[in-house]
Each structure stands twice: as structure tokens, then as C-alpha cells.
N, C-alpha and C. Protein backbone atom coordinates (compact mmCIF):
# COMPACT_ATOMS: atom_id res chain seq x y z
N UNK A 1 -45.63 -75.83 9.96
CA UNK A 1 -45.69 -74.66 10.73
C UNK A 1 -45.36 -73.45 9.88
N UNK A 2 -46.23 -72.56 10.06
CA UNK A 2 -46.10 -71.36 9.25
C UNK A 2 -45.52 -70.23 10.05
N UNK A 3 -44.62 -69.50 9.44
CA UNK A 3 -44.01 -68.38 10.15
C UNK A 3 -44.86 -67.14 10.00
N UNK A 4 -44.69 -66.26 10.94
CA UNK A 4 -45.41 -64.99 10.84
C UNK A 4 -44.77 -64.15 9.74
N UNK A 5 -45.51 -63.22 9.14
CA UNK A 5 -44.96 -62.41 8.06
C UNK A 5 -43.77 -61.58 8.50
N UNK A 6 -43.74 -61.14 9.73
CA UNK A 6 -42.61 -60.33 10.22
C UNK A 6 -41.37 -61.18 10.33
N UNK A 7 -41.51 -62.37 10.84
CA UNK A 7 -40.37 -63.27 10.99
C UNK A 7 -39.84 -63.66 9.62
N UNK A 8 -40.74 -63.88 8.66
CA UNK A 8 -40.30 -64.23 7.31
C UNK A 8 -39.53 -63.08 6.68
N UNK A 9 -39.99 -61.85 6.91
CA UNK A 9 -39.31 -60.68 6.34
C UNK A 9 -37.93 -60.54 6.94
N UNK A 10 -37.79 -60.72 8.25
CA UNK A 10 -36.50 -60.61 8.92
C UNK A 10 -35.54 -61.67 8.40
N UNK A 11 -36.04 -62.85 8.17
CA UNK A 11 -35.20 -63.94 7.68
C UNK A 11 -34.71 -63.62 6.27
N UNK A 12 -35.63 -63.08 5.45
CA UNK A 12 -35.23 -62.72 4.09
C UNK A 12 -34.18 -61.60 4.09
N UNK A 13 -34.32 -60.63 5.00
CA UNK A 13 -33.37 -59.53 5.07
C UNK A 13 -32.00 -60.03 5.47
N UNK A 14 -31.95 -60.95 6.43
CA UNK A 14 -30.67 -61.50 6.86
C UNK A 14 -30.05 -62.28 5.72
N UNK A 15 -30.86 -63.04 5.01
CA UNK A 15 -30.36 -63.82 3.88
C UNK A 15 -29.85 -62.91 2.77
N UNK A 16 -30.57 -61.78 2.52
CA UNK A 16 -30.16 -60.83 1.49
C UNK A 16 -28.83 -60.14 1.87
N UNK A 17 -28.67 -59.85 3.17
CA UNK A 17 -27.43 -59.20 3.59
C UNK A 17 -26.24 -60.11 3.36
N UNK A 18 -26.39 -61.36 3.58
CA UNK A 18 -25.29 -62.29 3.37
C UNK A 18 -24.95 -62.41 1.90
N UNK A 19 -25.93 -62.27 1.04
CA UNK A 19 -25.70 -62.43 -0.39
C UNK A 19 -25.25 -61.13 -1.07
N UNK A 20 -25.31 -59.97 -0.38
CA UNK A 20 -24.90 -58.70 -0.99
C UNK A 20 -23.40 -58.67 -1.17
N UNK A 21 -22.95 -57.97 -2.22
CA UNK A 21 -21.51 -57.86 -2.43
C UNK A 21 -20.91 -56.91 -1.41
N UNK A 22 -19.61 -56.94 -1.25
CA UNK A 22 -18.92 -56.10 -0.27
C UNK A 22 -19.04 -54.63 -0.64
N UNK A 23 -19.06 -54.30 -1.92
CA UNK A 23 -19.15 -52.91 -2.36
C UNK A 23 -20.47 -52.30 -1.94
N UNK A 24 -21.54 -53.09 -1.98
CA UNK A 24 -22.85 -52.57 -1.61
C UNK A 24 -22.93 -52.38 -0.10
N UNK A 25 -22.32 -53.29 0.65
CA UNK A 25 -22.37 -53.19 2.11
C UNK A 25 -21.51 -52.03 2.61
N UNK A 26 -20.37 -51.75 1.96
CA UNK A 26 -19.48 -50.69 2.42
C UNK A 26 -19.68 -49.38 1.66
N UNK A 27 -20.65 -49.32 0.79
CA UNK A 27 -20.92 -48.10 0.03
C UNK A 27 -21.17 -46.87 0.89
N UNK A 28 -22.10 -46.96 1.84
CA UNK A 28 -22.34 -45.78 2.70
C UNK A 28 -21.10 -45.37 3.50
N UNK A 29 -20.33 -46.38 3.95
CA UNK A 29 -19.11 -46.06 4.71
C UNK A 29 -18.09 -45.35 3.80
N UNK A 30 -17.98 -45.80 2.56
CA UNK A 30 -17.05 -45.16 1.62
C UNK A 30 -17.51 -43.74 1.29
N UNK A 31 -18.80 -43.55 1.16
CA UNK A 31 -19.32 -42.21 0.90
C UNK A 31 -19.01 -41.28 2.07
N UNK A 32 -19.22 -41.77 3.28
CA UNK A 32 -18.93 -40.96 4.48
C UNK A 32 -17.43 -40.64 4.55
N UNK A 33 -16.59 -41.62 4.25
CA UNK A 33 -15.15 -41.40 4.25
C UNK A 33 -14.76 -40.36 3.19
N UNK A 34 -15.33 -40.47 2.02
CA UNK A 34 -15.05 -39.50 0.95
C UNK A 34 -15.48 -38.10 1.33
N UNK A 35 -16.64 -37.99 1.95
CA UNK A 35 -17.13 -36.69 2.40
C UNK A 35 -16.22 -36.10 3.48
N UNK A 36 -15.78 -36.95 4.40
CA UNK A 36 -14.85 -36.48 5.45
C UNK A 36 -13.53 -36.01 4.84
N UNK A 37 -13.02 -36.76 3.87
CA UNK A 37 -11.77 -36.35 3.20
C UNK A 37 -11.95 -35.04 2.45
N UNK A 38 -13.08 -34.86 1.82
CA UNK A 38 -13.36 -33.62 1.11
C UNK A 38 -13.40 -32.44 2.08
N UNK A 39 -14.08 -32.60 3.20
CA UNK A 39 -14.17 -31.53 4.19
C UNK A 39 -12.79 -31.24 4.78
N UNK A 40 -12.04 -32.29 5.13
CA UNK A 40 -10.71 -32.10 5.70
C UNK A 40 -9.77 -31.43 4.69
N UNK A 41 -9.85 -31.85 3.44
CA UNK A 41 -9.01 -31.23 2.40
C UNK A 41 -9.36 -29.77 2.19
N UNK A 42 -10.64 -29.47 2.23
CA UNK A 42 -11.07 -28.08 2.09
C UNK A 42 -10.57 -27.25 3.26
N UNK A 43 -10.63 -27.79 4.47
CA UNK A 43 -10.17 -27.07 5.67
C UNK A 43 -8.67 -26.81 5.59
N UNK A 44 -7.91 -27.81 5.18
CA UNK A 44 -6.46 -27.64 5.04
C UNK A 44 -6.16 -26.59 3.98
N UNK A 45 -6.86 -26.63 2.87
CA UNK A 45 -6.66 -25.64 1.81
C UNK A 45 -7.01 -24.24 2.27
N UNK A 46 -8.07 -24.11 3.05
CA UNK A 46 -8.49 -22.81 3.58
C UNK A 46 -7.43 -22.24 4.52
N UNK A 47 -6.93 -23.07 5.42
CA UNK A 47 -5.89 -22.61 6.36
C UNK A 47 -4.62 -22.25 5.61
N UNK A 48 -4.23 -23.06 4.62
CA UNK A 48 -3.03 -22.75 3.83
C UNK A 48 -3.21 -21.42 3.10
N UNK A 49 -4.37 -21.20 2.52
CA UNK A 49 -4.63 -19.96 1.79
C UNK A 49 -4.56 -18.76 2.72
N UNK A 50 -5.15 -18.84 3.89
CA UNK A 50 -5.11 -17.74 4.86
C UNK A 50 -3.67 -17.49 5.31
N UNK A 51 -2.91 -18.54 5.51
CA UNK A 51 -1.51 -18.39 5.90
C UNK A 51 -0.71 -17.69 4.81
N UNK A 52 -0.96 -18.07 3.59
CA UNK A 52 -0.25 -17.47 2.45
C UNK A 52 -0.63 -15.99 2.30
N UNK A 53 -1.90 -15.68 2.49
CA UNK A 53 -2.35 -14.29 2.41
C UNK A 53 -1.64 -13.46 3.48
N UNK A 54 -1.52 -13.99 4.68
CA UNK A 54 -0.85 -13.28 5.77
C UNK A 54 0.62 -13.05 5.42
N UNK A 55 1.30 -14.09 4.90
CA UNK A 55 2.72 -13.95 4.52
C UNK A 55 2.88 -12.88 3.44
N UNK A 56 2.02 -12.90 2.45
CA UNK A 56 2.12 -11.92 1.36
C UNK A 56 1.84 -10.51 1.86
N UNK A 57 0.90 -10.36 2.80
CA UNK A 57 0.63 -9.03 3.34
C UNK A 57 1.83 -8.52 4.13
N UNK A 58 2.52 -9.41 4.83
CA UNK A 58 3.74 -9.02 5.54
C UNK A 58 4.82 -8.56 4.56
N UNK A 59 4.99 -9.29 3.46
CA UNK A 59 5.97 -8.91 2.44
C UNK A 59 5.61 -7.56 1.83
N UNK A 60 4.35 -7.35 1.56
CA UNK A 60 3.92 -6.07 0.96
C UNK A 60 4.23 -4.93 1.92
N UNK A 61 3.94 -5.12 3.20
CA UNK A 61 4.23 -4.09 4.20
C UNK A 61 5.72 -3.77 4.27
N UNK A 62 6.55 -4.80 4.26
CA UNK A 62 8.00 -4.59 4.31
C UNK A 62 8.48 -3.84 3.06
N UNK A 63 7.98 -4.23 1.92
CA UNK A 63 8.42 -3.59 0.68
C UNK A 63 7.92 -2.16 0.56
N UNK A 64 6.71 -1.88 1.07
CA UNK A 64 6.21 -0.50 1.06
C UNK A 64 7.06 0.38 1.97
N UNK A 65 7.48 -0.16 3.13
CA UNK A 65 8.34 0.59 4.04
C UNK A 65 9.69 0.84 3.37
N UNK A 66 10.23 -0.16 2.71
CA UNK A 66 11.53 -0.01 2.02
C UNK A 66 11.40 1.03 0.91
N UNK A 67 10.30 1.02 0.16
CA UNK A 67 10.07 1.99 -0.90
C UNK A 67 9.99 3.40 -0.32
N UNK A 68 9.29 3.55 0.79
CA UNK A 68 9.19 4.86 1.44
C UNK A 68 10.57 5.35 1.87
N UNK A 69 11.37 4.46 2.49
CA UNK A 69 12.72 4.84 2.91
C UNK A 69 13.59 5.23 1.72
N UNK A 70 13.49 4.48 0.63
CA UNK A 70 14.29 4.78 -0.56
C UNK A 70 13.88 6.11 -1.19
N UNK A 71 12.59 6.40 -1.19
CA UNK A 71 12.13 7.69 -1.73
C UNK A 71 12.64 8.85 -0.88
N UNK A 72 12.61 8.68 0.45
CA UNK A 72 13.14 9.73 1.33
C UNK A 72 14.63 9.94 1.08
N UNK A 73 15.37 8.83 0.97
CA UNK A 73 16.81 8.93 0.71
C UNK A 73 17.07 9.57 -0.65
N UNK A 74 16.29 9.22 -1.64
CA UNK A 74 16.44 9.79 -2.98
C UNK A 74 16.19 11.30 -2.94
N UNK A 75 15.17 11.72 -2.21
CA UNK A 75 14.86 13.15 -2.08
C UNK A 75 16.02 13.88 -1.38
N UNK A 76 16.53 13.28 -0.30
CA UNK A 76 17.65 13.88 0.43
C UNK A 76 18.89 14.00 -0.45
N UNK A 77 19.19 12.94 -1.19
CA UNK A 77 20.36 12.97 -2.08
C UNK A 77 20.18 13.96 -3.22
N UNK A 78 18.94 14.11 -3.71
CA UNK A 78 18.68 15.10 -4.76
C UNK A 78 18.94 16.51 -4.26
N UNK A 79 18.51 16.80 -3.02
CA UNK A 79 18.78 18.12 -2.45
C UNK A 79 20.28 18.34 -2.25
N UNK A 80 20.96 17.31 -1.78
CA UNK A 80 22.41 17.41 -1.59
C UNK A 80 23.11 17.64 -2.93
N UNK A 81 22.67 16.95 -3.96
CA UNK A 81 23.26 17.09 -5.30
C UNK A 81 23.05 18.51 -5.83
N UNK A 82 21.84 19.04 -5.66
CA UNK A 82 21.57 20.39 -6.15
C UNK A 82 22.39 21.42 -5.37
N UNK A 83 22.60 21.18 -4.07
CA UNK A 83 23.46 22.09 -3.29
C UNK A 83 24.90 22.03 -3.78
N UNK A 84 25.39 20.85 -4.11
CA UNK A 84 26.78 20.71 -4.56
C UNK A 84 27.00 21.31 -5.94
N UNK A 85 25.95 21.50 -6.70
CA UNK A 85 26.10 22.08 -8.04
C UNK A 85 26.12 23.61 -8.03
N UNK A 86 25.82 24.23 -6.91
CA UNK A 86 25.83 25.69 -6.84
C UNK A 86 27.24 26.21 -7.12
N UNK A 87 27.37 27.33 -7.87
CA UNK A 87 28.70 27.85 -8.21
C UNK A 87 29.55 28.16 -6.98
N UNK A 88 28.96 28.71 -5.93
CA UNK A 88 29.77 29.05 -4.75
C UNK A 88 30.28 27.78 -4.07
N UNK A 89 29.47 26.69 -4.08
CA UNK A 89 29.93 25.42 -3.49
C UNK A 89 31.04 24.80 -4.33
N UNK A 90 30.93 24.89 -5.66
CA UNK A 90 31.98 24.37 -6.54
C UNK A 90 33.28 25.14 -6.33
N UNK A 91 33.17 26.46 -6.20
CA UNK A 91 34.35 27.30 -5.99
C UNK A 91 35.00 26.94 -4.65
N UNK A 92 34.22 26.84 -3.60
CA UNK A 92 34.76 26.50 -2.29
C UNK A 92 35.43 25.13 -2.30
N UNK A 93 34.79 24.16 -2.95
CA UNK A 93 35.36 22.80 -3.01
C UNK A 93 36.65 22.79 -3.81
N UNK A 94 36.73 23.56 -4.88
CA UNK A 94 37.96 23.64 -5.68
C UNK A 94 39.08 24.24 -4.84
N UNK A 95 38.78 25.26 -4.03
CA UNK A 95 39.82 25.85 -3.16
C UNK A 95 40.24 24.87 -2.08
N UNK A 96 39.31 24.10 -1.52
CA UNK A 96 39.63 23.12 -0.48
C UNK A 96 40.58 22.05 -1.00
N UNK A 97 40.39 21.65 -2.23
CA UNK A 97 41.21 20.57 -2.81
C UNK A 97 42.49 21.08 -3.46
N UNK A 98 42.71 22.41 -3.44
CA UNK A 98 43.91 23.02 -4.03
C UNK A 98 44.12 22.53 -5.47
N UNK A 99 43.10 22.70 -6.28
CA UNK A 99 43.18 22.26 -7.67
C UNK A 99 43.85 23.30 -8.56
N UNK A 100 44.07 24.49 -8.07
CA UNK A 100 44.71 25.54 -8.86
C UNK A 100 43.81 26.06 -9.96
N UNK A 101 42.54 26.06 -9.74
CA UNK A 101 41.60 26.54 -10.74
C UNK A 101 41.37 28.04 -10.52
N UNK A 102 41.19 28.73 -11.63
CA UNK A 102 40.92 30.16 -11.57
C UNK A 102 39.85 30.48 -12.59
N UNK A 103 39.16 31.62 -12.45
CA UNK A 103 38.16 31.97 -13.45
C UNK A 103 38.80 32.11 -14.84
N UNK A 104 38.04 31.81 -15.86
CA UNK A 104 38.55 31.88 -17.24
C UNK A 104 38.75 33.33 -17.64
N UNK A 105 39.83 33.57 -18.41
CA UNK A 105 40.08 34.91 -18.94
C UNK A 105 39.18 35.11 -20.15
N UNK A 106 38.81 36.36 -20.44
CA UNK A 106 37.92 36.59 -21.59
C UNK A 106 38.48 36.05 -22.90
N UNK A 107 39.76 35.99 -23.07
CA UNK A 107 40.35 35.46 -24.31
C UNK A 107 40.19 33.95 -24.41
N UNK A 108 39.99 33.29 -23.28
CA UNK A 108 39.87 31.83 -23.28
C UNK A 108 38.43 31.37 -23.56
N UNK A 109 37.50 32.28 -23.54
CA UNK A 109 36.10 31.93 -23.74
C UNK A 109 35.76 32.04 -25.21
N UNK A 110 35.16 31.00 -25.77
CA UNK A 110 34.74 30.99 -27.17
C UNK A 110 33.21 30.95 -27.19
N UNK A 111 32.63 31.94 -27.88
CA UNK A 111 31.17 31.99 -28.00
C UNK A 111 30.78 31.45 -29.36
N UNK A 112 29.86 30.52 -29.37
CA UNK A 112 29.38 29.92 -30.62
C UNK A 112 27.96 30.39 -30.89
N UNK A 113 27.71 30.72 -32.13
CA UNK A 113 26.35 31.11 -32.51
C UNK A 113 25.64 29.90 -33.08
N UNK A 114 24.42 29.79 -32.69
CA UNK A 114 23.61 28.69 -33.20
C UNK A 114 22.94 29.17 -34.47
N UNK A 115 23.07 28.40 -35.57
CA UNK A 115 22.45 28.83 -36.82
C UNK A 115 20.93 28.82 -36.72
N UNK A 116 20.31 29.74 -37.42
CA UNK A 116 18.85 29.82 -37.44
C UNK A 116 18.31 28.67 -38.29
N UNK A 117 17.18 28.09 -37.90
CA UNK A 117 16.62 27.02 -38.72
C UNK A 117 16.12 27.57 -40.05
N UNK A 118 16.33 26.77 -41.10
CA UNK A 118 15.93 27.17 -42.44
C UNK A 118 14.44 26.88 -42.58
N UNK A 119 13.63 27.90 -42.96
CA UNK A 119 12.19 27.65 -43.12
C UNK A 119 11.95 26.75 -44.33
N UNK A 120 10.91 25.96 -44.29
CA UNK A 120 10.61 25.10 -45.45
C UNK A 120 10.24 25.95 -46.66
N UNK A 121 10.58 25.41 -47.83
CA UNK A 121 10.33 26.17 -49.06
C UNK A 121 8.83 26.31 -49.34
N UNK A 122 8.08 25.25 -49.13
CA UNK A 122 6.65 25.28 -49.40
C UNK A 122 5.91 25.36 -48.07
N UNK A 123 5.25 26.45 -47.80
CA UNK A 123 4.56 26.66 -46.53
C UNK A 123 3.40 25.67 -46.34
N UNK A 124 2.86 25.13 -47.42
CA UNK A 124 1.73 24.22 -47.32
C UNK A 124 2.15 22.87 -46.74
N UNK A 125 3.40 22.52 -46.83
CA UNK A 125 3.86 21.20 -46.40
C UNK A 125 4.49 21.25 -45.01
N UNK A 126 4.04 22.11 -44.15
CA UNK A 126 4.63 22.16 -42.81
C UNK A 126 4.25 20.94 -41.99
N UNK A 127 3.08 20.34 -42.27
CA UNK A 127 2.68 19.11 -41.59
C UNK A 127 2.54 18.00 -42.62
N UNK A 128 2.92 16.82 -42.22
CA UNK A 128 2.73 15.69 -43.10
C UNK A 128 1.57 14.87 -42.55
N UNK A 129 0.62 14.60 -43.40
CA UNK A 129 -0.55 13.82 -43.00
C UNK A 129 -0.62 12.55 -43.82
N UNK A 130 -1.14 11.52 -43.21
CA UNK A 130 -1.31 10.27 -43.93
C UNK A 130 -2.55 10.37 -44.82
N UNK A 131 -2.44 9.85 -46.01
CA UNK A 131 -3.58 9.88 -46.94
C UNK A 131 -4.49 8.70 -46.68
N UNK A 132 -5.78 8.90 -46.87
CA UNK A 132 -6.74 7.81 -46.73
C UNK A 132 -6.66 6.93 -47.97
N UNK A 133 -6.86 5.64 -47.79
CA UNK A 133 -6.91 4.77 -48.97
C UNK A 133 -8.13 5.14 -49.83
N UNK A 134 -8.02 4.88 -51.11
CA UNK A 134 -9.10 5.20 -52.04
C UNK A 134 -10.35 4.42 -51.65
N UNK A 135 -11.46 5.11 -51.61
CA UNK A 135 -12.73 4.45 -51.31
C UNK A 135 -13.04 4.40 -49.82
N UNK A 136 -12.13 4.84 -48.94
CA UNK A 136 -12.39 4.81 -47.50
C UNK A 136 -13.26 5.99 -47.12
N UNK A 137 -14.17 5.77 -46.19
CA UNK A 137 -15.08 6.82 -45.75
C UNK A 137 -14.56 7.42 -44.45
N UNK A 138 -14.77 8.72 -44.30
CA UNK A 138 -14.39 9.38 -43.05
C UNK A 138 -15.39 9.00 -41.97
N UNK A 139 -14.94 8.85 -40.75
CA UNK A 139 -15.85 8.45 -39.66
C UNK A 139 -16.29 9.65 -38.89
């Protein structure tokens, strides 16, 4: 009895499946699993990256606000410092603290004269220039 060609083909396919190694039978499943892991890993990495970007933007905002506050405080303290350096403010503060300070008498003041700078002997050497090495061309 002869089998039909379709039945013979089906029998050969079943026989071939039994003889295939496990790696060949599970190959497509392993590929699908690997692809799923790749997609899941990419999704986790994407979410982590977006979360980190958000955290860093929050830190930047906080630090910019702190910088703005510090600049305002620095400006305010600079104005206060310049006000405290005024002669009338120094005089008033000295009187408040009873330091016993009084204006200097003319005999107590010493005036110093600043000596005039000595001109260089050779007027041609007022600037020092570096010399070009021998054989170098000007650009």
C-alpha cells in the first residue's frame, strides 16, 4: 500500500521534528524572549532617564532661586556697607559708642610726597619686544 504524497510529507515532518535538537526547536522562542527583554530594558532605561532629567531640572530651579536670593542679599549688604563708610555715619557711630575720638589736629597729620618716577635713560627702550628667531618669516 502506497501512501499519498501529502501523508508521506506529514510523516516526514513529524519524524524530523522529533529528531531536531532542542536549540533548534526553542530558537524562535528564545529570539522572542530576547526581543521582549530588549524592549523592556529600553523602556525601563527611558523612564529612568526621564525621571533623572526631571530631578536635575528641579535641582537647577532650586539653585537658580538660591543664586538670585544670594545676589539680592549681596546687593543689599553692599549698599549697607557703602552707607556705613560715609564720614557722617562713622562720626555718629563713634559718638554712639563713646570712643572718645576727635578730629586730628593739624600737627598730628603727616603729609608724604610720592617721588616722581625716574624716566628711562634710553627713550628707544621704553617697550621690550621679543626677537624673532633667525630665519623665521613674518606672517
